[in-house]
Protein backbone atom coordinates (compact mmCIF):
# COMPACT_ATOMS: atom_id res chain seq x y z
CA UNK A 1 -53.46 50.63 -29.34
CA UNK A 2 -51.69 49.94 -26.17
CA UNK A 3 -51.33 46.43 -24.86
CA UNK A 4 -50.35 45.18 -21.43
CA UNK A 5 -48.94 42.06 -19.75
CA UNK A 6 -49.79 41.16 -16.18
CA UNK A 7 -47.97 39.47 -13.27
CA UNK A 8 -49.12 38.43 -9.79
CA UNK A 9 -46.81 38.27 -6.70
CA UNK A 10 -47.68 36.72 -3.34
CA UNK A 11 -46.10 37.86 -0.20
CA UNK A 12 -46.78 35.84 3.00
CA UNK A 13 -46.34 38.00 6.15
CA UNK A 14 -44.66 35.45 8.37
CA UNK A 15 -41.46 37.03 9.16
CA UNK A 16 -40.39 40.43 10.59
CA UNK A 17 -38.49 41.21 7.34
CA UNK A 18 -41.34 40.41 5.08
CA UNK A 19 -42.07 44.05 4.43
CA UNK A 20 -38.63 44.84 3.49
CA UNK A 21 -38.54 41.73 1.32
CA UNK A 22 -41.73 43.00 -0.41
CA UNK A 23 -40.34 46.49 -0.96
CA UNK A 24 -37.14 45.00 -2.51
CA UNK A 25 -39.17 42.67 -4.81
CA UNK A 26 -41.41 45.60 -5.93
CA UNK A 27 -38.51 47.91 -6.59
CA UNK A 28 -36.80 45.12 -8.72
CA UNK A 29 -40.11 44.70 -10.68
CA UNK A 30 -40.41 48.54 -11.03
CA UNK A 31 -36.98 48.60 -12.63
CA UNK A 32 -38.18 46.13 -15.19
CA UNK A 33 -40.97 48.46 -16.02
CA UNK A 34 -43.82 46.85 -13.97
CA UNK A 35 -46.36 48.99 -12.21
CA UNK A 36 -48.50 47.92 -9.15
CA UNK A 37 -52.21 48.23 -10.04
CA UNK A 38 -53.71 46.68 -6.90
CA UNK A 39 -52.91 45.02 -3.66
CA UNK A 40 -55.17 42.52 -1.81
CA UNK A 41 -54.33 42.00 1.76
CA UNK A 42 -55.58 39.30 4.17
CA UNK A 43 -54.88 39.49 7.90
CA UNK A 44 -56.91 36.21 8.46
CA UNK A 45 -54.48 33.55 9.55
CA UNK A 46 -51.57 36.06 8.75
CA UNK A 47 -51.77 35.14 5.04
CA UNK A 48 -50.18 38.31 3.63
CA UNK A 49 -50.46 40.32 0.46
CA UNK A 50 -51.20 39.53 -3.20
CA UNK A 51 -49.89 42.21 -5.61
CA UNK A 52 -51.12 42.64 -9.14
CA UNK A 53 -48.80 44.30 -11.62
CA UNK A 54 -48.93 45.41 -15.30
CA UNK A 55 -46.51 46.74 -17.87
CA UNK A 56 -46.99 47.95 -21.38
CA UNK A 57 -45.94 45.57 -24.02
CA UNK A 58 -44.11 46.50 -27.24
CA UNK A 59 -45.89 45.48 -30.61
CA UNK A 60 -43.88 42.94 -32.52
CA UNK A 61 -41.45 44.52 -34.97
CA UNK A 62 -41.31 47.81 -33.13
CA UNK A 63 -38.04 48.94 -31.45
CA UNK A 64 -37.92 51.40 -28.70
């Protein structure tokens, strides 16, 4: 059975470079095997984005 682990990133949208920072962070996570499964955005008070990621885990004792 497949199992997964999860991570949550928060990106405040307070600077002009925030979207490029977000892209760089997500590309780095993607290189580690993480996949974005959902993004929650809030424009109220310019809070920003919360990104939910997952990646498949390897069962103990199994090598790739």
